[in-house]
C-alpha atoms as a PDB file:
ATOM      1  CA  MET A   1     -52.656   9.043  10.213  1.00  0.00           C
ATOM      2  CA  ASN A   2     -51.120   7.663  13.059  1.00  0.00           C
ATOM      3  CA  SER A   3     -49.280   9.254  16.027  1.00  0.00           C
ATOM      4  CA  PHE A   4     -45.831  10.350  15.457  1.00  0.00           C
ATOM      5  CA  SER A   5     -44.482   9.796  19.245  1.00  0.00           C
ATOM      6  CA  GLU A   6     -45.840   6.002  18.625  1.00  0.00           C
ATOM      7  CA  TYR A   7     -44.286   5.608  15.071  1.00  0.00           C
ATOM      8  CA  ALA A   8     -41.109   6.995  16.465  1.00  0.00           C
ATOM      9  CA  ARG A   9     -41.122   4.768  19.707  1.00  0.00           C
ATOM     10  CA  GLN A  10     -41.678   1.542  17.357  1.00  0.00           C
ATOM     11  CA  TYR A  11     -39.120   2.704  15.086  1.00  0.00           C
ATOM     12  CA  ILE A  12     -36.228   3.440  17.806  1.00  0.00           C
ATOM     13  CA  PHE A  13     -37.452  -0.125  19.562  1.00  0.00           C
ATOM     14  CA  ARG A  14     -36.634  -1.601  16.021  1.00  0.00           C
ATOM     15  CA  LEU A  15     -33.349   0.345  15.852  1.00  0.00           C
ATOM     16  CA  GLN A  16     -32.268  -1.192  18.971  1.00  0.00           C
ATOM     17  CA  GLU A  17     -33.820  -4.639  18.392  1.00  0.00           C
ATOM     18  CA  VAL A  18     -31.074  -4.730  14.912  1.00  0.00           C
ATOM     19  CA  LEU A  19     -28.199  -3.010  16.969  1.00  0.00           C
ATOM     20  CA  GLY A  20     -28.337  -5.713  19.275  1.00  0.00           C
ATOM     21  CA  LYS A  21     -28.003  -8.513  16.790  1.00  0.00           C
ATOM     22  CA  ILE A  22     -25.037  -7.072  15.449  1.00  0.00           C
ATOM     23  CA  LYS A  23     -22.095  -9.586  16.111  1.00  0.00           C
ATOM     24  CA  HIS A  24     -19.435  -7.906  17.963  1.00  0.00           C
ATOM     25  CA  GLU A  25     -16.430 -10.294  17.213  1.00  0.00           C
ATOM     26  CA  GLU A  26     -17.217  -8.776  13.655  1.00  0.00           C
ATOM     27  CA  VAL A  27     -16.766  -5.698  14.529  1.00  0.00           C
ATOM     28  CA  GLU A  28     -14.109  -6.476  16.547  1.00  0.00           C
ATOM     29  CA  GLU A  29     -12.042  -7.803  13.547  1.00  0.00           C
ATOM     30  CA  PHE A  30     -12.969  -5.170  11.507  1.00  0.00           C
ATOM     31  CA  VAL A  31     -11.563  -2.401  14.317  1.00  0.00           C
ATOM     32  CA  ASN A  32      -8.245  -4.954  14.301  1.00  0.00           C
ATOM     33  CA  LEU A  33      -7.819  -4.402  10.206  1.00  0.00           C
ATOM     34  CA  LEU A  34      -8.160  -0.636  10.781  1.00  0.00           C
ATOM     35  CA  PHE A  35      -5.809  -0.379  13.583  1.00  0.00           C
ATOM     36  CA  GLU A  36      -3.077  -2.697  11.548  1.00  0.00           C
ATOM     37  CA  ALA A  37      -3.713  -0.795   8.520  1.00  0.00           C
ATOM     38  CA  ARG A  38      -3.263   2.555  10.440  1.00  0.00           C
ATOM     39  CA  GLU A  39       0.129   0.916  11.707  1.00  0.00           C
ATOM     40  CA  GLU A  40       1.409  -0.089   8.577  1.00  0.00           C
ATOM     41  CA  ASN A  41       0.831   2.915   6.927  1.00  0.00           C
ATOM     42  CA  ARG A  42      -1.830   1.486   4.048  1.00  0.00           C
ATOM     43  CA  ASN A  43      -4.537   3.083   2.415  1.00  0.00           C
ATOM     44  CA  ILE A  44      -8.048   2.186   4.066  1.00  0.00           C
ATOM     45  CA  PHE A  45     -10.877   2.764   0.987  1.00  0.00           C
ATOM     46  CA  PHE A  46     -14.498   3.564   1.166  1.00  0.00           C
ATOM     47  CA  ALA A  47     -17.113   3.232  -1.026  1.00  0.00           C
ATOM     48  CA  GLY A  48     -20.876   2.947  -1.588  1.00  0.00           C
ATOM     49  CA  ASN A  49     -23.809   4.575  -3.447  1.00  0.00           C
ATOM     50  CA  GLY A  50     -26.797   6.662  -2.410  1.00  0.00           C
ATOM     51  CA  GLY A  51     -26.982   6.834   1.257  1.00  0.00           C
ATOM     52  CA  SER A  52     -24.236   4.575   1.877  1.00  0.00           C
ATOM     53  CA  ALA A  53     -22.257   7.125  -0.379  1.00  0.00           C
ATOM     54  CA  ALA A  54     -22.497   9.586   2.423  1.00  0.00           C
ATOM     55  CA  THR A  55     -21.782   6.760   4.714  1.00  0.00           C
ATOM     56  CA  SER A  56     -18.704   5.959   2.930  1.00  0.00           C
ATOM     57  CA  SER A  57     -17.720   9.916   2.945  1.00  0.00           C
ATOM     58  CA  HIS A  58     -18.491  10.279   7.140  1.00  0.00           C
ATOM     59  CA  PHE A  59     -16.700   7.006   7.579  1.00  0.00           C
ATOM     60  CA  ALA A  60     -13.587   8.470   5.508  1.00  0.00           C
ATOM     61  CA  ASN A  61     -13.663  11.843   7.239  1.00  0.00           C
ATOM     62  CA  ASP A  62     -13.958  10.580  10.855  1.00  0.00           C
ATOM     63  CA  PHE A  63     -11.256   8.277  10.463  1.00  0.00           C
ATOM     64  CA  GLY A  64      -8.856  10.591   8.702  1.00  0.00           C
ATOM     65  CA  ILE A  65     -10.010  13.752  10.648  1.00  0.00           C
ATOM     66  CA  GLY A  66     -12.163  12.836  13.317  1.00  0.00           C
ATOM     67  CA  THR A  67      -9.610  10.693  15.398  1.00  0.00           C
ATOM     68  CA  ARG A  68      -7.441  13.817  15.644  1.00  0.00           C
ATOM     69  CA  GLN A  69      -4.281  11.474  14.570  1.00  0.00           C
ATOM     70  CA  ARG A  70      -1.567  14.006  13.273  1.00  0.00           C
ATOM     71  CA  ILE A  71       1.351  11.600  13.798  1.00  0.00           C
ATOM     72  CA  LYS A  72      -0.008   8.530  12.466  1.00  0.00           C
ATOM     73  CA  PRO A  73      -3.240   9.459  10.912  1.00  0.00           C
ATOM     74  CA  PHE A  74      -5.590   6.839   9.275  1.00  0.00           C
ATOM     75  CA  ARG A  75      -5.165   7.149   5.390  1.00  0.00           C
ATOM     76  CA  ALA A  76      -8.671   7.129   5.055  1.00  0.00           C
ATOM     77  CA  ILE A  77     -10.321   7.835   1.803  1.00  0.00           C
ATOM     78  CA  SER A  78     -13.894   7.886  -0.178  1.00  0.00           C
ATOM     79  CA  LEU A  79     -14.312   6.723  -3.485  1.00  0.00           C
ATOM     80  CA  SER A  80     -17.811   8.154  -3.607  1.00  0.00           C
ATOM     81  CA  ASP A  81     -16.493  11.309  -3.166  1.00  0.00           C
ATOM     82  CA  ASN A  82     -14.977  13.011  -6.434  1.00  0.00           C
ATOM     83  CA  LEU A  83     -17.696  13.543  -8.939  1.00  0.00           C
ATOM     84  CA  ALA A  84     -15.533  14.301 -11.562  1.00  0.00           C
ATOM     85  CA  THR A  85     -13.949  10.876 -11.521  1.00  0.00           C
ATOM     86  CA  ILE A  86     -16.954   9.028 -11.103  1.00  0.00           C
ATOM     87  CA  THR A  87     -18.486  10.500 -13.838  1.00  0.00           C
ATOM     88  CA  ALA A  88     -15.765  10.293 -16.269  1.00  0.00           C
ATOM     89  CA  ILE A  89     -15.283   6.515 -15.637  1.00  0.00           C
ATOM     90  CA  GLY A  90     -19.285   5.939 -15.631  1.00  0.00           C
ATOM     91  CA  ASN A  91     -19.308   7.604 -19.224  1.00  0.00           C
ATOM     92  CA  ASP A  92     -16.283   5.971 -20.350  1.00  0.00           C
ATOM     93  CA  PHE A  93     -16.139   2.510 -18.660  1.00  0.00           C
ATOM     94  CA  GLY A  94     -19.739   2.292 -17.674  1.00  0.00           C
ATOM     95  CA  TYR A  95     -21.367   2.850 -13.754  1.00  0.00           C
ATOM     96  CA  ASP A  96     -20.201  -0.551 -13.160  1.00  0.00           C
ATOM     97  CA  GLN A  97     -16.546   0.255 -12.805  1.00  0.00           C
ATOM     98  CA  ILE A  98     -16.532   3.611 -10.779  1.00  0.00           C
ATOM     99  CA  PHE A  99     -15.191   2.077  -7.884  1.00  0.00           C
ATOM    100  CA  ALA A 100     -13.179  -0.308  -9.820  1.00  0.00           C
ATOM    101  CA  ARG A 101     -10.971   1.782 -11.985  1.00  0.00           C
ATOM    102  CA  GLN A 102     -10.289   3.518  -9.031  1.00  0.00           C
ATOM    103  CA  VAL A 103      -9.102   0.672  -7.053  1.00  0.00           C
ATOM    104  CA  GLU A 104      -7.062  -0.421  -9.639  1.00  0.00           C
ATOM    105  CA  VAL A 105      -5.382   3.425 -10.049  1.00  0.00           C
ATOM    106  CA  LEU A 106      -5.082   4.070  -5.979  1.00  0.00           C
ATOM    107  CA  GLY A 107      -4.986   0.602  -4.784  1.00  0.00           C
ATOM    108  CA  ARG A 108      -1.698  -1.414  -3.236  1.00  0.00           C
ATOM    109  CA  GLU A 109      -1.319  -4.966  -2.172  1.00  0.00           C
ATOM    110  CA  ASP A 110      -2.499  -5.165   1.954  1.00  0.00           C
ATOM    111  CA  ASP A 111      -4.476  -1.823   1.255  1.00  0.00           C
ATOM    112  CA  LEU A 112      -7.919  -2.398   2.899  1.00  0.00           C
ATOM    113  CA  LEU A 113     -11.283  -1.692   0.512  1.00  0.00           C
ATOM    114  CA  VAL A 114     -14.481  -1.441   2.768  1.00  0.00           C
ATOM    115  CA  GLY A 115     -17.970  -1.992   0.767  1.00  0.00           C
ATOM    116  CA  ILE A 116     -20.877  -0.255   2.352  1.00  0.00           C
ATOM    117  CA  SER A 117     -24.296  -1.624   1.045  1.00  0.00           C
ATOM    118  CA  ALA A 118     -27.496  -2.357   2.506  1.00  0.00           C
ATOM    119  CA  SER A 119     -28.444  -5.227  -0.016  1.00  0.00           C
ATOM    120  CA  GLY A 120     -24.951  -6.514  -0.688  1.00  0.00           C
ATOM    121  CA  ASN A 121     -25.948  -6.808  -4.091  1.00  0.00           C
ATOM    122  CA  SER A 122     -24.265  -3.118  -6.001  1.00  0.00           C
ATOM    123  CA  GLU A 123     -22.492  -4.345  -9.151  1.00  0.00           C
ATOM    124  CA  ASN A 124     -20.317  -1.470  -8.981  1.00  0.00           C
ATOM    125  CA  LEU A 125     -19.136  -2.574  -5.319  1.00  0.00           C
ATOM    126  CA  VAL A 126     -18.663  -6.022  -6.298  1.00  0.00           C
ATOM    127  CA  CYS A 127     -16.625  -5.328  -9.305  1.00  0.00           C
ATOM    128  CA  ALA A 128     -14.528  -3.371  -7.129  1.00  0.00           C
ATOM    129  CA  PHE A 129     -14.146  -5.957  -4.282  1.00  0.00           C
ATOM    130  CA  ARG A 130     -13.056  -8.655  -7.709  1.00  0.00           C
ATOM    131  CA  VAL A 131     -10.537  -6.307  -9.041  1.00  0.00           C
ATOM    132  CA  ALA A 132      -9.028  -5.532  -4.774  1.00  0.00           C
ATOM    133  CA  LYS A 133      -8.838  -9.345  -4.674  1.00  0.00           C
ATOM    134  CA  LYS A 134      -6.646  -9.472  -7.787  1.00  0.00           C
ATOM    135  CA  LEU A 135      -4.649  -7.080  -6.400  1.00  0.00           C
ATOM    136  CA  GLY A 136      -4.119  -8.108  -3.241  1.00  0.00           C
ATOM    137  CA  LEU A 137      -5.950  -5.824  -1.123  1.00  0.00           C
ATOM    138  CA  THR A 138      -7.927  -7.140   2.059  1.00  0.00           C
ATOM    139  CA  THR A 139     -11.963  -6.748   1.475  1.00  0.00           C
ATOM    140  CA  VAL A 140     -14.547  -5.681   4.274  1.00  0.00           C
ATOM    141  CA  ALA A 141     -18.199  -5.766   3.502  1.00  0.00           C
ATOM    142  CA  ILE A 142     -20.621  -3.664   5.544  1.00  0.00           C
ATOM    143  CA  THR A 143     -23.919  -5.113   4.897  1.00  0.00           C
ATOM    144  CA  ALA A 144     -27.446  -5.324   6.174  1.00  0.00           C
ATOM    145  CA  PHE A 145     -30.946  -7.275   4.851  1.00  0.00           C
ATOM    146  CA  ASP A 146     -29.106 -10.802   3.910  1.00  0.00           C
ATOM    147  CA  GLY A 147     -25.735  -9.536   2.737  1.00  0.00           C
ATOM    148  CA  GLY A 148     -25.924 -10.167  -1.004  1.00  0.00           C
ATOM    149  CA  VAL A 149     -23.131 -11.017  -3.209  1.00  0.00           C
ATOM    150  CA  LEU A 150     -20.584  -8.670  -1.572  1.00  0.00           C
ATOM    151  CA  ARG A 151     -20.901 -10.546   2.015  1.00  0.00           C
ATOM    152  CA  GLU A 152     -20.370 -13.473   0.273  1.00  0.00           C
ATOM    153  CA  ILE A 153     -17.114 -12.689  -1.428  1.00  0.00           C
ATOM    154  CA  ALA A 154     -15.624 -10.350   1.341  1.00  0.00           C
ATOM    155  CA  ASP A 155     -12.798 -11.278   3.504  1.00  0.00           C
ATOM    156  CA  PHE A 156     -14.182  -9.617   6.407  1.00  0.00           C
ATOM    157  CA  SER A 157     -18.039  -8.659   7.446  1.00  0.00           C
ATOM    158  CA  VAL A 158     -19.868  -6.723   9.218  1.00  0.00           C
ATOM    159  CA  HIS A 159     -23.375  -7.612   8.931  1.00  0.00           C
ATOM    160  CA  VAL A 160     -26.484  -5.681  10.377  1.00  0.00           C
ATOM    161  CA  PRO A 161     -29.149  -8.276   9.955  1.00  0.00           C
ATOM    162  CA  THR A 162     -32.563  -6.389   9.140  1.00  0.00           C
ATOM    163  CA  SER A 163     -35.456  -7.410   6.523  1.00  0.00           C
ATOM    164  CA  LYS A 164     -34.938  -7.000   3.261  1.00  0.00           C
ATOM    165  CA  GLY A 165     -35.866  -3.377   2.371  1.00  0.00           C
ATOM    166  CA  GLU A 166     -35.345  -1.828   5.678  1.00  0.00           C
ATOM    167  CA  TYR A 167     -32.979   0.777   4.760  1.00  0.00           C
ATOM    168  CA  GLY A 168     -33.691   2.866   7.643  1.00  0.00           C
ATOM    169  CA  PRO A 169     -32.474   1.044  10.336  1.00  0.00           C
ATOM    170  CA  ALA A 170     -29.966  -0.681   8.274  1.00  0.00           C
ATOM    171  CA  GLU A 171     -28.350   2.633   7.021  1.00  0.00           C
ATOM    172  CA  ASP A 172     -28.978   4.158  10.808  1.00  0.00           C
ATOM    173  CA  ALA A 173     -26.963   1.181  11.974  1.00  0.00           C
ATOM    174  CA  HIS A 174     -23.898   1.701   9.543  1.00  0.00           C
ATOM    175  CA  MET A 175     -23.624   5.266  10.816  1.00  0.00           C
ATOM    176  CA  ILE A 176     -23.316   4.183  14.609  1.00  0.00           C
ATOM    177  CA  LEU A 177     -20.781   1.879  13.561  1.00  0.00           C
ATOM    178  CA  ASP A 178     -18.860   4.251  12.212  1.00  0.00           C
ATOM    179  CA  HIS A 179     -19.076   6.575  15.360  1.00  0.00           C
ATOM    180  CA  LEU A 180     -18.951   3.563  17.735  1.00  0.00           C
ATOM    181  CA  ILE A 181     -15.164   3.049  16.101  1.00  0.00           C
ATOM    182  CA  THR A 182     -14.465   6.490  15.736  1.00  0.00           C
ATOM    183  CA  ASN A 183     -14.865   7.257  19.512  1.00  0.00           C
ATOM    184  CA  PHE A 184     -12.757   3.836  20.559  1.00  0.00           C
ATOM    185  CA  PHE A 185     -10.276   5.202  18.238  1.00  0.00           C
ATOM    186  CA  VAL A 186     -10.401   8.900  19.776  1.00  0.00           C
ATOM    187  CA  SER A 187     -10.177   7.057  23.235  1.00  0.00           C
ATOM    188  CA  ASN A 188      -7.717   4.639  22.921  1.00  0.00           C
ATOM    189  CA  LEU A 189      -4.934   6.399  20.498  1.00  0.00           C
ATOM    190  CA  GLU A 190      -4.413   9.361  22.357  1.00  0.00           C
ATOM    191  CA  GLY A 191      -0.634   9.930  22.004  1.00  0.00           C
ATOM    192  CA  ARG A 192       0.087   6.921  20.051  1.00  0.00           C
END
């Protein structure tokens, strides 16, 4: 067995390398979209599968509650959170529809749909993005690996460049983006 300390050192070095390759202008575009959605009282939907479902929940919680904006809060909702809704849609219409059907019911023109996926190829997110576009929502893909289909069809993208299958650093970076942006809003929106 290799030394844990050496493995940890290499992992952290790789994570720093990945974070250093994220394009700040992509993150800034995303921040501007979030701010505009807040200012215009629009919904911000987050969606993801597996670890990205947890990240989706975390984003929605941090923006909706963690920014502490009572006067003009972020209207942040995770489409990954309602088990009854997800299983009903999955059972009746298919798993590929679990986010698309929610977007059809809840989404309004100019709302924001943020799909979080390391591969960018989750069929249920791709379906949701296609429905969102038809309804006039703005789509943002937060991806890794090569970005997949989601990055190609999204209106905006925040890409974390990692090797295919490199889930740890990809998902770590997605969570760091959540905390980075949340803390930016906490620092800059006080009293607004």
